[in-house]
């Protein structure tokens, strides 16, 4: 089903029935509804993408699902929904190097194995 068809025949009537937007004006064509930029169909798309990224879904996968031409588009809109970005890498390095409490000598210390 085309997005515009779904928006016109399913989404906008549901918004009107819920009282979010006014009912279609008498005599209006089937596709003529009040604009609903804050409550429009596109908001569902943004909500879906942000929920998926907050759930740690791969940005590559989300970009593909949304049909974005590149990862840069997805990251440009949604990077702020990736609160844990970078934590996996830091945790991996902490595991390799040991936690700060385990490190008695710095890298340049005479007691360091590299010293």
PDB file of N, CA and C in Angstrom:
ATOM      1  N   UNK A   1       0.850  -1.175   0.000  1.00  0.00           N
ATOM      2  CA  UNK A   1       0.000   0.000   0.000  1.00  0.00           C
ATOM      3  C   UNK A   1       0.896   1.238   0.000  1.00  0.00           C
ATOM      4  N   UNK A   2       0.544   2.190  -0.779  1.00  0.00           N
ATOM      5  CA  UNK A   2       1.297   3.440  -0.844  1.00  0.00           C
ATOM      6  C   UNK A   2       1.099   4.238   0.445  1.00  0.00           C
ATOM      7  N   UNK A   3       2.132   4.939   0.867  1.00  0.00           N
ATOM      8  CA  UNK A   3       2.070   5.728   2.099  1.00  0.00           C
ATOM      9  C   UNK A   3       0.940   6.739   2.043  1.00  0.00           C
ATOM     10  N   UNK A   4       0.792   7.434   0.938  1.00  0.00           N
ATOM     11  CA  UNK A   4      -0.262   8.447   0.844  1.00  0.00           C
ATOM     12  C   UNK A   4      -1.654   7.831   0.971  1.00  0.00           C
ATOM     13  N   UNK A   5      -1.841   6.640   0.405  1.00  0.00           N
ATOM     14  CA  UNK A   5      -3.133   5.958   0.514  1.00  0.00           C
ATOM     15  C   UNK A   5      -3.406   5.581   1.964  1.00  0.00           C
ATOM     16  N   UNK A   6      -2.401   5.015   2.633  1.00  0.00           N
ATOM     17  CA  UNK A   6      -2.565   4.631   4.036  1.00  0.00           C
ATOM     18  C   UNK A   6      -2.805   5.861   4.899  1.00  0.00           C
ATOM     19  N   UNK A   7      -2.047   6.910   4.643  1.00  0.00           N
ATOM     20  CA  UNK A   7      -2.172   8.153   5.402  1.00  0.00           C
ATOM     21  C   UNK A   7      -3.583   8.731   5.256  1.00  0.00           C
ATOM     22  N   UNK A   8      -4.098   8.748   4.032  1.00  0.00           N
ATOM     23  CA  UNK A   8      -5.407   9.345   3.743  1.00  0.00           C
ATOM     24  C   UNK A   8      -6.566   8.509   4.258  1.00  0.00           C
ATOM     25  N   UNK A   9      -6.485   7.204   4.110  1.00  0.00           N
ATOM     26  CA  UNK A   9      -7.633   6.350   4.406  1.00  0.00           C
ATOM     27  C   UNK A   9      -7.571   5.649   5.761  1.00  0.00           C
ATOM     28  N   UNK A  10      -6.413   5.648   6.409  1.00  0.00           N
ATOM     29  CA  UNK A  10      -6.291   4.967   7.700  1.00  0.00           C
ATOM     30  C   UNK A  10      -5.806   5.913   8.796  1.00  0.00           C
ATOM     31  N   UNK A  11      -4.643   6.518   8.568  1.00  0.00           N
ATOM     32  CA  UNK A  11      -4.004   7.325   9.615  1.00  0.00           C
ATOM     33  C   UNK A  11      -4.802   8.582   9.960  1.00  0.00           C
ATOM     34  N   UNK A  12      -5.105   9.400   8.947  1.00  0.00           N
ATOM     35  CA  UNK A  12      -5.831  10.655   9.225  1.00  0.00           C
ATOM     36  C   UNK A  12      -7.223  10.394   9.805  1.00  0.00           C
ATOM     37  N   UNK A  13      -7.986   9.411   9.297  1.00  0.00           N
ATOM     38  CA  UNK A  13      -9.276   9.135   9.954  1.00  0.00           C
ATOM     39  C   UNK A  13      -9.109   8.711  11.420  1.00  0.00           C
ATOM     40  N   UNK A  14      -8.048   7.952  11.730  1.00  0.00           N
ATOM     41  CA  UNK A  14      -7.808   7.542  13.121  1.00  0.00           C
ATOM     42  C   UNK A  14      -7.477   8.753  13.986  1.00  0.00           C
ATOM     43  N   UNK A  15      -6.664   9.672  13.467  1.00  0.00           N
ATOM     44  CA  UNK A  15      -6.342  10.892  14.224  1.00  0.00           C
ATOM     45  C   UNK A  15      -7.600  11.716  14.472  1.00  0.00           C
ATOM     46  N   UNK A  16      -8.445  11.814  13.448  1.00  0.00           N
ATOM     47  CA  UNK A  16      -9.683  12.585  13.600  1.00  0.00           C
ATOM     48  C   UNK A  16     -10.609  11.931  14.624  1.00  0.00           C
ATOM     49  N   UNK A  17     -10.736  10.626  14.547  1.00  0.00           N
ATOM     50  CA  UNK A  17     -11.612   9.906  15.491  1.00  0.00           C
ATOM     51  C   UNK A  17     -11.116  10.061  16.936  1.00  0.00           C
ATOM     52  N   UNK A  18      -9.786  10.119  17.100  1.00  0.00           N
ATOM     53  CA  UNK A  18      -9.197  10.285  18.437  1.00  0.00           C
ATOM     54  C   UNK A  18      -9.223  11.739  18.896  1.00  0.00           C
ATOM     55  N   UNK A  19      -9.640  12.651  18.014  1.00  0.00           N
ATOM     56  CA  UNK A  19      -9.704  14.060  18.388  1.00  0.00           C
ATOM     57  C   UNK A  19      -8.382  14.794  18.286  1.00  0.00           C
ATOM     58  N   UNK A  20      -7.403  14.199  17.628  1.00  0.00           N
ATOM     59  CA  UNK A  20      -6.087  14.826  17.488  1.00  0.00           C
ATOM     60  C   UNK A  20      -6.126  15.908  16.408  1.00  0.00           C
ATOM     61  N   UNK A  21      -6.843  15.633  15.334  1.00  0.00           N
ATOM     62  CA  UNK A  21      -7.053  16.626  14.280  1.00  0.00           C
ATOM     63  C   UNK A  21      -8.561  16.747  14.077  1.00  0.00           C
ATOM     64  N   UNK A  22      -9.022  17.854  13.496  1.00  0.00           N
ATOM     65  CA  UNK A  22     -10.463  17.983  13.263  1.00  0.00           C
ATOM     66  C   UNK A  22     -10.939  17.011  12.190  1.00  0.00           C
ATOM     67  N   UNK A  23     -12.217  16.661  12.207  1.00  0.00           N
ATOM     68  CA  UNK A  23     -12.757  15.803  11.150  1.00  0.00           C
ATOM     69  C   UNK A  23     -12.609  16.490   9.790  1.00  0.00           C
ATOM     70  N   UNK A  24     -12.653  15.700   8.746  1.00  0.00           N
ATOM     71  CA  UNK A  24     -12.564  16.252   7.401  1.00  0.00           C
ATOM     72  C   UNK A  24     -13.771  17.165   7.188  1.00  0.00           C
ATOM     73  N   UNK A  25     -13.523  18.296   6.561  1.00  0.00           N
ATOM     74  CA  UNK A  25     -14.589  19.273   6.322  1.00  0.00           C
ATOM     75  C   UNK A  25     -15.657  18.680   5.402  1.00  0.00           C
ATOM     76  N   UNK A  26     -16.900  19.076   5.620  1.00  0.00           N
ATOM     77  CA  UNK A  26     -17.989  18.604   4.758  1.00  0.00           C
ATOM     78  C   UNK A  26     -17.721  19.066   3.329  1.00  0.00           C
ATOM     79  N   UNK A  27     -17.889  18.162   2.395  1.00  0.00           N
ATOM     80  CA  UNK A  27     -17.676  18.481   0.989  1.00  0.00           C
ATOM     81  C   UNK A  27     -16.225  18.363   0.549  1.00  0.00           C
ATOM     82  N   UNK A  28     -15.314  18.061   1.489  1.00  0.00           N
ATOM     83  CA  UNK A  28     -13.895  17.923   1.130  1.00  0.00           C
ATOM     84  C   UNK A  28     -13.679  16.616   0.384  1.00  0.00           C
ATOM     85  N   UNK A  29     -12.691  16.607  -0.450  1.00  0.00           N
ATOM     86  CA  UNK A  29     -12.324  15.379  -1.159  1.00  0.00           C
ATOM     87  C   UNK A  29     -11.726  14.386  -0.159  1.00  0.00           C
ATOM     88  N   UNK A  30     -11.691  13.091  -0.533  1.00  0.00           N
ATOM     89  CA  UNK A  30     -11.204  12.050   0.384  1.00  0.00           C
ATOM     90  C   UNK A  30      -9.799  12.329   0.886  1.00  0.00           C
ATOM     91  N   UNK A  31      -8.970  12.947   0.091  1.00  0.00           N
ATOM     92  CA  UNK A  31      -7.574  13.164   0.471  1.00  0.00           C
ATOM     93  C   UNK A  31      -7.362  14.491   1.193  1.00  0.00           C
ATOM     94  N   UNK A  32      -8.413  15.284   1.362  1.00  0.00           N
ATOM     95  CA  UNK A  32      -8.271  16.608   1.981  1.00  0.00           C
ATOM     96  C   UNK A  32      -8.527  16.525   3.486  1.00  0.00           C
ATOM     97  N   UNK A  33      -7.449  16.580   4.220  1.00  0.00           N
ATOM     98  CA  UNK A  33      -7.500  16.583   5.675  1.00  0.00           C
ATOM     99  C   UNK A  33      -6.719  17.789   6.177  1.00  0.00           C
ATOM    100  N   UNK A  34      -6.987  18.158   7.388  1.00  0.00           N
ATOM    101  CA  UNK A  34      -6.198  19.196   8.048  1.00  0.00           C
ATOM    102  C   UNK A  34      -4.756  18.720   8.163  1.00  0.00           C
ATOM    103  N   UNK A  35      -3.814  19.603   7.952  1.00  0.00           N
ATOM    104  CA  UNK A  35      -2.395  19.245   8.109  1.00  0.00           C
ATOM    105  C   UNK A  35      -2.138  18.859   9.565  1.00  0.00           C
ATOM    106  N   UNK A  36      -1.293  17.855   9.746  1.00  0.00           N
ATOM    107  CA  UNK A  36      -0.978  17.381  11.103  1.00  0.00           C
ATOM    108  C   UNK A  36       0.520  17.136  11.214  1.00  0.00           C
ATOM    109  N   UNK A  37       1.349  18.181  11.058  1.00  0.00           N
ATOM    110  CA  UNK A  37       2.799  17.945  11.034  1.00  0.00           C
ATOM    111  C   UNK A  37       3.354  17.325  12.313  1.00  0.00           C
ATOM    112  N   UNK A  38       2.786  17.659  13.467  1.00  0.00           N
ATOM    113  CA  UNK A  38       3.292  17.078  14.719  1.00  0.00           C
ATOM    114  C   UNK A  38       2.743  15.687  14.965  1.00  0.00           C
ATOM    115  N   UNK A  39       1.641  15.359  14.307  1.00  0.00           N
ATOM    116  CA  UNK A  39       0.990  14.074  14.536  1.00  0.00           C
ATOM    117  C   UNK A  39       0.846  13.282  13.246  1.00  0.00           C
ATOM    118  N   UNK A  40       1.572  13.668  12.222  1.00  0.00           N
ATOM    119  CA  UNK A  40       1.450  13.021  10.930  1.00  0.00           C
ATOM    120  C   UNK A  40       2.112  11.660  10.874  1.00  0.00           C
ATOM    121  N   UNK A  41       1.903  11.026   9.761  1.00  0.00           N
ATOM    122  CA  UNK A  41       2.440   9.691   9.550  1.00  0.00           C
ATOM    123  C   UNK A  41       3.961   9.668   9.678  1.00  0.00           C
ATOM    124  N   UNK A  42       4.628  10.733   9.236  1.00  0.00           N
ATOM    125  CA  UNK A  42       6.090  10.757   9.271  1.00  0.00           C
ATOM    126  C   UNK A  42       6.624  10.665  10.706  1.00  0.00           C
ATOM    127  N   UNK A  43       5.844  11.119  11.668  1.00  0.00           N
ATOM    128  CA  UNK A  43       6.247  11.015  13.073  1.00  0.00           C
ATOM    129  C   UNK A  43       6.408   9.548  13.472  1.00  0.00           C
ATOM    130  N   UNK A  44       5.563   8.675  12.933  1.00  0.00           N
ATOM    131  CA  UNK A  44       5.703   7.243  13.230  1.00  0.00           C
ATOM    132  C   UNK A  44       7.052   6.721  12.763  1.00  0.00           C
ATOM    133  N   UNK A  45       7.490   7.182  11.600  1.00  0.00           N
ATOM    134  CA  UNK A  45       8.785   6.769  11.042  1.00  0.00           C
ATOM    135  C   UNK A  45       9.919   7.188  11.970  1.00  0.00           C
ATOM    136  N   UNK A  46       9.881   8.441  12.425  1.00  0.00           N
ATOM    137  CA  UNK A  46      10.923   8.922  13.338  1.00  0.00           C
ATOM    138  C   UNK A  46      10.874   8.177  14.668  1.00  0.00           C
ATOM    139  N   UNK A  47       9.684   7.928  15.164  1.00  0.00           N
ATOM    140  CA  UNK A  47       9.553   7.187  16.423  1.00  0.00           C
ATOM    141  C   UNK A  47      10.123   5.786  16.283  1.00  0.00           C
ATOM    142  N   UNK A  48       9.782   5.120  15.202  1.00  0.00           N
ATOM    143  CA  UNK A  48      10.282   3.766  14.955  1.00  0.00           C
ATOM    144  C   UNK A  48      11.810   3.746  14.921  1.00  0.00           C
ATOM    145  N   UNK A  49      12.399   4.668  14.150  1.00  0.00           N
ATOM    146  CA  UNK A  49      13.861   4.709  14.024  1.00  0.00           C
ATOM    147  C   UNK A  49      14.517   4.986  15.374  1.00  0.00           C
ATOM    148  N   UNK A  50      13.997   5.932  16.118  1.00  0.00           N
ATOM    149  CA  UNK A  50      14.617   6.272  17.401  1.00  0.00           C
ATOM    150  C   UNK A  50      14.493   5.127  18.406  1.00  0.00           C
ATOM    151  N   UNK A  51      13.351   4.453  18.427  1.00  0.00           N
ATOM    152  CA  UNK A  51      13.168   3.314  19.343  1.00  0.00           C
ATOM    153  C   UNK A  51      14.129   2.182  18.974  1.00  0.00           C
ATOM    154  N   UNK A  52      14.277   1.913  17.688  1.00  0.00           N
ATOM    155  CA  UNK A  52      15.183   0.843  17.246  1.00  0.00           C
ATOM    156  C   UNK A  52      16.631   1.159  17.643  1.00  0.00           C
ATOM    157  N   UNK A  53      17.058   2.403  17.452  1.00  0.00           N
ATOM    158  CA  UNK A  53      18.439   2.764  17.799  1.00  0.00           C
ATOM    159  C   UNK A  53      18.649   2.768  19.310  1.00  0.00           C
ATOM    160  N   UNK A  54      17.663   3.224  20.069  1.00  0.00           N
ATOM    161  CA  UNK A  54      17.779   3.178  21.528  1.00  0.00           C
ATOM    162  C   UNK A  54      17.849   1.736  22.021  1.00  0.00           C
ATOM    163  N   UNK A  55      17.260   0.814  21.262  1.00  0.00           N
ATOM    164  CA  UNK A  55      17.301  -0.609  21.611  1.00  0.00           C
ATOM    165  C   UNK A  55      18.582  -1.264  21.101  1.00  0.00           C
ATOM    166  N   UNK A  56      19.512  -0.455  20.601  1.00  0.00           N
ATOM    167  CA  UNK A  56      20.836  -0.881  20.136  1.00  0.00           C
ATOM    168  C   UNK A  56      20.793  -1.680  18.834  1.00  0.00           C
ATOM    169  N   UNK A  57      19.768  -1.456  18.023  1.00  0.00           N
ATOM    170  CA  UNK A  57      19.751  -2.063  16.689  1.00  0.00           C
ATOM    171  C   UNK A  57      20.860  -1.394  15.879  1.00  0.00           C
ATOM    172  N   UNK A  58      21.436  -2.141  14.971  1.00  0.00           N
ATOM    173  CA  UNK A  58      22.524  -1.630  14.141  1.00  0.00           C
ATOM    174  C   UNK A  58      22.045  -0.455  13.291  1.00  0.00           C
ATOM    175  N   UNK A  59      22.851   0.604  13.249  1.00  0.00           N
ATOM    176  CA  UNK A  59      22.507   1.762  12.418  1.00  0.00           C
ATOM    177  C   UNK A  59      22.469   1.375  10.941  1.00  0.00           C
ATOM    178  N   UNK A  60      23.266   0.386  10.557  1.00  0.00           N
ATOM    179  CA  UNK A  60      23.245  -0.108   9.175  1.00  0.00           C
ATOM    180  C   UNK A  60      21.869  -0.711   8.868  1.00  0.00           C
ATOM    181  N   UNK A  61      21.359  -1.504   9.781  1.00  0.00           N
ATOM    182  CA  UNK A  61      20.058  -2.132   9.600  1.00  0.00           C
ATOM    183  C   UNK A  61      18.946  -1.096   9.571  1.00  0.00           C
ATOM    184  N   UNK A  62      18.977  -0.144  10.501  1.00  0.00           N
ATOM    185  CA  UNK A  62      17.941   0.894  10.548  1.00  0.00           C
ATOM    186  C   UNK A  62      17.974   1.724   9.264  1.00  0.00           C
ATOM    187  N   UNK A  63      19.157   2.073   8.790  1.00  0.00           N
ATOM    188  CA  UNK A  63      19.267   2.836   7.544  1.00  0.00           C
ATOM    189  C   UNK A  63      18.648   2.070   6.381  1.00  0.00           C
ATOM    190  N   UNK A  64      18.906   0.781   6.336  1.00  0.00           N
ATOM    191  CA  UNK A  64      18.337  -0.048   5.268  1.00  0.00           C
ATOM    192  C   UNK A  64      16.814  -0.106   5.388  1.00  0.00           C
ATOM    193  N   UNK A  65      16.290  -0.315   6.599  1.00  0.00           N
ATOM    194  CA  UNK A  65      14.846  -0.372   6.805  1.00  0.00           C
ATOM    195  C   UNK A  65      14.163   0.937   6.404  1.00  0.00           C
ATOM    196  N   UNK A  66      14.829   2.064   6.685  1.00  0.00           N
ATOM    197  CA  UNK A  66      14.235   3.364   6.369  1.00  0.00           C
ATOM    198  C   UNK A  66      14.424   3.755   4.904  1.00  0.00           C
ATOM    199  N   UNK A  67      15.281   3.023   4.206  1.00  0.00           N
ATOM    200  CA  UNK A  67      15.523   3.323   2.803  1.00  0.00           C
ATOM    201  C   UNK A  67      16.433   4.522   2.592  1.00  0.00           C
ATOM    202  N   UNK A  68      17.252   4.835   3.585  1.00  0.00           N
ATOM    203  CA  UNK A  68      18.172   5.963   3.447  1.00  0.00           C
ATOM    204  C   UNK A  68      19.265   5.637   2.436  1.00  0.00           C
ATOM    205  N   UNK A  69      19.714   6.656   1.723  1.00  0.00           N
ATOM    206  CA  UNK A  69      20.727   6.468   0.688  1.00  0.00           C
ATOM    207  C   UNK A  69      22.107   6.197   1.270  1.00  0.00           C
ATOM    208  N   UNK A  70      22.338   6.597   2.520  1.00  0.00           N
ATOM    209  CA  UNK A  70      23.635   6.354   3.155  1.00  0.00           C
ATOM    210  C   UNK A  70      23.469   6.366   4.677  1.00  0.00           C
ATOM    211  N   UNK A  71      24.483   5.840   5.345  1.00  0.00           N
ATOM    212  CA  UNK A  71      24.489   5.875   6.815  1.00  0.00           C
ATOM    213  C   UNK A  71      24.551   7.299   7.328  1.00  0.00           C
ATOM    214  N   UNK A  72      25.181   8.186   6.561  1.00  0.00           N
ATOM    215  CA  UNK A  72      25.304   9.585   6.980  1.00  0.00           C
ATOM    216  C   UNK A  72      23.925  10.222   7.169  1.00  0.00           C
ATOM    217  N   UNK A  73      22.979   9.864   6.332  1.00  0.00           N
ATOM    218  CA  UNK A  73      21.622  10.397   6.466  1.00  0.00           C
ATOM    219  C   UNK A  73      21.015   9.925   7.782  1.00  0.00           C
ATOM    220  N   UNK A  74      21.103   8.641   8.052  1.00  0.00           N
ATOM    221  CA  UNK A  74      20.536   8.075   9.277  1.00  0.00           C
ATOM    222  C   UNK A  74      21.212   8.675  10.507  1.00  0.00           C
ATOM    223  N   UNK A  75      22.526   8.723  10.498  1.00  0.00           N
ATOM    224  CA  UNK A  75      23.256   9.271  11.648  1.00  0.00           C
ATOM    225  C   UNK A  75      22.974  10.756  11.828  1.00  0.00           C
ATOM    226  N   UNK A  76      22.811  11.470  10.733  1.00  0.00           N
ATOM    227  CA  UNK A  76      22.509  12.899  10.820  1.00  0.00           C
ATOM    228  C   UNK A  76      21.213  13.177  11.557  1.00  0.00           C
ATOM    229  N   UNK A  77      20.219  12.337  11.347  1.00  0.00           N
ATOM    230  CA  UNK A  77      18.926  12.516  12.004  1.00  0.00           C
ATOM    231  C   UNK A  77      18.854  11.870  13.382  1.00  0.00           C
ATOM    232  N   UNK A  78      19.521  10.728  13.558  1.00  0.00           N
ATOM    233  CA  UNK A  78      19.232   9.898  14.724  1.00  0.00           C
ATOM    234  C   UNK A  78      20.402   9.585  15.649  1.00  0.00           C
ATOM    235  N   UNK A  79      21.583  10.112  15.419  1.00  0.00           N
ATOM    236  CA  UNK A  79      22.740   9.765  16.251  1.00  0.00           C
ATOM    237  C   UNK A  79      22.491  10.045  17.733  1.00  0.00           C
ATOM    238  N   UNK A  80      21.736  11.078  18.040  1.00  0.00           N
ATOM    239  CA  UNK A  80      21.482  11.408  19.450  1.00  0.00           C
ATOM    240  C   UNK A  80      20.604  10.368  20.145  1.00  0.00           C
ATOM    241  N   UNK A  81      20.043   9.425  19.392  1.00  0.00           N
ATOM    242  CA  UNK A  81      19.261   8.344  19.994  1.00  0.00           C
ATOM    243  C   UNK A  81      20.117   7.123  20.279  1.00  0.00           C
ATOM    244  N   UNK A  82      21.417   7.274  20.167  1.00  0.00           N
ATOM    245  CA  UNK A  82      22.330   6.161  20.414  1.00  0.00           C
ATOM    246  C   UNK A  82      23.145   6.487  21.664  1.00  0.00           C
ATOM    247  N   UNK A  83      22.490   6.466  22.838  1.00  0.00           N
ATOM    248  CA  UNK A  83      23.135   6.935  24.058  1.00  0.00           C
ATOM    249  C   UNK A  83      24.354   6.125  24.476  1.00  0.00           C
ATOM    250  N   UNK A  84      24.426   4.884  24.060  1.00  0.00           N
ATOM    251  CA  UNK A  84      25.525   4.037  24.491  1.00  0.00           C
ATOM    252  C   UNK A  84      26.616   3.933  23.443  1.00  0.00           C
ATOM    253  N   UNK A  85      26.551   4.789  22.421  1.00  0.00           N
ATOM    254  CA  UNK A  85      27.567   4.744  21.377  1.00  0.00           C
ATOM    255  C   UNK A  85      28.948   4.917  22.000  1.00  0.00           C
ATOM    256  N   UNK A  86      29.861   4.036  21.689  1.00  0.00           N
ATOM    257  CA  UNK A  86      31.222   4.110  22.207  1.00  0.00           C
ATOM    258  C   UNK A  86      31.467   3.265  23.443  1.00  0.00           C
ATOM    259  N   UNK A  87      30.420   2.855  24.124  1.00  0.00           N
ATOM    260  CA  UNK A  87      30.641   2.117  25.369  1.00  0.00           C
ATOM    261  C   UNK A  87      31.174   0.714  25.127  1.00  0.00           C
ATOM    262  N   UNK A  88      30.798   0.096  24.011  1.00  0.00           N
ATOM    263  CA  UNK A  88      31.300  -1.254  23.724  1.00  0.00           C
ATOM    264  C   UNK A  88      32.816  -1.217  23.516  1.00  0.00           C
ATOM    265  N   UNK A  89      33.277  -0.244  22.765  1.00  0.00           N
ATOM    266  CA  UNK A  89      34.719  -0.117  22.517  1.00  0.00           C
ATOM    267  C   UNK A  89      35.488   0.176  23.792  1.00  0.00           C
ATOM    268  N   UNK A  90      34.961   1.089  24.607  1.00  0.00           N
ATOM    269  CA  UNK A  90      35.642   1.405  25.879  1.00  0.00           C
ATOM    270  C   UNK A  90      35.669   0.192  26.795  1.00  0.00           C
ATOM    271  N   UNK A  91      34.570  -0.554  26.857  1.00  0.00           N
ATOM    272  CA  UNK A  91      34.521  -1.744  27.713  1.00  0.00           C
ATOM    273  C   UNK A  91      35.513  -2.799  27.230  1.00  0.00           C
ATOM    274  N   UNK A  92      35.617  -2.954  25.910  1.00  0.00           N
ATOM    275  CA  UNK A  92      36.560  -3.928  25.366  1.00  0.00           C
ATOM    276  C   UNK A  92      37.995  -3.545  25.723  1.00  0.00           C
ATOM    277  N   UNK A  93      38.330  -2.260  25.568  1.00  0.00           N
ATOM    278  CA  UNK A  93      39.688  -1.822  25.910  1.00  0.00           C
ATOM    279  C   UNK A  93      39.948  -1.943  27.406  1.00  0.00           C
ATOM    280  N   UNK A  94      38.950  -1.607  28.228  1.00  0.00           N
ATOM    281  CA  UNK A  94      39.116  -1.781  29.670  1.00  0.00           C
ATOM    282  C   UNK A  94      39.393  -3.243  30.001  1.00  0.00           C
ATOM    283  N   UNK A  95      38.709  -4.156  29.310  1.00  0.00           N
ATOM    284  CA  UNK A  95      38.933  -5.579  29.533  1.00  0.00           C
ATOM    285  C   UNK A  95      40.330  -6.006  29.130  1.00  0.00           C
ATOM    286  N   UNK A  96      40.830  -5.465  28.021  1.00  0.00           N
ATOM    287  CA  UNK A  96      42.181  -5.807  27.563  1.00  0.00           C
ATOM    288  C   UNK A  96      43.255  -5.234  28.477  1.00  0.00           C
ATOM    289  N   UNK A  97      43.016  -4.004  28.933  1.00  0.00           N
ATOM    290  CA  UNK A  97      44.034  -3.314  29.725  1.00  0.00           C
ATOM    291  C   UNK A  97      43.845  -3.493  31.219  1.00  0.00           C
ATOM    292  N   UNK A  98      42.720  -4.021  31.602  1.00  0.00           N
ATOM    293  CA  UNK A  98      42.423  -4.117  33.033  1.00  0.00           C
ATOM    294  C   UNK A  98      41.802  -2.817  33.480  1.00  0.00           C
ATOM    295  N   UNK A  99      41.015  -2.878  34.530  1.00  0.00           N
ATOM    296  CA  UNK A  99      40.371  -1.665  35.023  1.00  0.00           C
ATOM    297  C   UNK A  99      41.422  -0.755  35.634  1.00  0.00           C
ATOM    298  N   UNK A 100      41.147   0.555  35.745  1.00  0.00           N
ATOM    299  CA  UNK A 100      42.124   1.491  36.325  1.00  0.00           C
ATOM    300  C   UNK A 100      42.625   1.063  37.704  1.00  0.00           C
ATOM    301  N   UNK A 101      41.771   0.410  38.494  1.00  0.00           N
ATOM    302  CA  UNK A 101      42.199  -0.037  39.825  1.00  0.00           C
ATOM    303  C   UNK A 101      43.257  -1.129  39.724  1.00  0.00           C
ATOM    304  N   UNK A 102      43.243  -1.904  38.613  1.00  0.00           N
ATOM    305  CA  UNK A 102      44.205  -2.990  38.443  1.00  0.00           C
ATOM    306  C   UNK A 102      45.570  -2.492  37.957  1.00  0.00           C
ATOM    307  N   UNK A 103      45.602  -1.277  37.455  1.00  0.00           N
ATOM    308  CA  UNK A 103      46.855  -0.773  36.879  1.00  0.00           C
ATOM    309  C   UNK A 103      47.663  -0.055  37.958  1.00  0.00           C
ATOM    310  N   UNK A 104      48.748  -0.685  38.388  1.00  0.00           N
ATOM    311  CA  UNK A 104      49.588  -0.108  39.428  1.00  0.00           C
ATOM    312  C   UNK A 104      50.610   0.859  38.849  1.00  0.00           C
ATOM    313  N   UNK A 105      51.035   0.592  37.627  1.00  0.00           N
ATOM    314  CA  UNK A 105      52.062   1.429  37.021  1.00  0.00           C
ATOM    315  C   UNK A 105      51.567   1.963  35.697  1.00  0.00           C
ATOM    316  N   UNK A 106      51.918   3.192  35.406  1.00  0.00           N
ATOM    317  CA  UNK A 106      51.564   3.779  34.119  1.00  0.00           C
ATOM    318  C   UNK A 106      52.450   3.208  33.025  1.00  0.00           C
ATOM    319  N   UNK A 107      52.070   3.461  31.778  1.00  0.00           N
ATOM    320  CA  UNK A 107      52.790   2.926  30.627  1.00  0.00           C
ATOM    321  C   UNK A 107      54.248   3.389  30.615  1.00  0.00           C
ATOM    322  N   UNK A 108      54.523   4.591  31.029  1.00  0.00           N
ATOM    323  CA  UNK A 108      55.888   5.120  30.981  1.00  0.00           C
ATOM    324  C   UNK A 108      56.625   4.981  32.311  1.00  0.00           C
ATOM    325  N   UNK A 109      56.050   4.261  33.236  1.00  0.00           N
ATOM    326  CA  UNK A 109      56.684   4.052  34.524  1.00  0.00           C
ATOM    327  C   UNK A 109      57.812   3.024  34.407  1.00  0.00           C
ATOM    328  N   UNK A 110      58.847   3.147  35.213  1.00  0.00           N
ATOM    329  CA  UNK A 110      59.908   2.138  35.205  1.00  0.00           C
ATOM    330  C   UNK A 110      59.401   0.752  35.556  1.00  0.00           C
ATOM    331  N   UNK A 111      58.281   0.673  36.305  1.00  0.00           N
ATOM    332  CA  UNK A 111      57.714  -0.606  36.695  1.00  0.00           C
ATOM    333  C   UNK A 111      56.841  -1.220  35.599  1.00  0.00           C
ATOM    334  N   UNK A 112      56.589  -0.467  34.535  1.00  0.00           N
ATOM    335  CA  UNK A 112      55.731  -0.947  33.463  1.00  0.00           C
ATOM    336  C   UNK A 112      56.495  -1.979  32.635  1.00  0.00           C
ATOM    337  N   UNK A 113      55.788  -3.028  32.127  1.00  0.00           N
ATOM    338  CA  UNK A 113      56.458  -3.995  31.262  1.00  0.00           C
ATOM    339  C   UNK A 113      57.060  -3.343  30.010  1.00  0.00           C
ATOM    340  N   UNK A 114      56.480  -2.188  29.588  1.00  0.00           N
ATOM    341  CA  UNK A 114      56.993  -1.495  28.429  1.00  0.00           C
ATOM    342  C   UNK A 114      58.192  -0.616  28.766  1.00  0.00           C
ATOM    343  N   UNK A 115      58.449  -0.393  30.079  1.00  0.00           N
ATOM    344  CA  UNK A 115      59.459   0.552  30.528  1.00  0.00           C
ATOM    345  C   UNK A 115      60.878   0.122  30.279  1.00  0.00           C
TER     346      UNK A 115
END
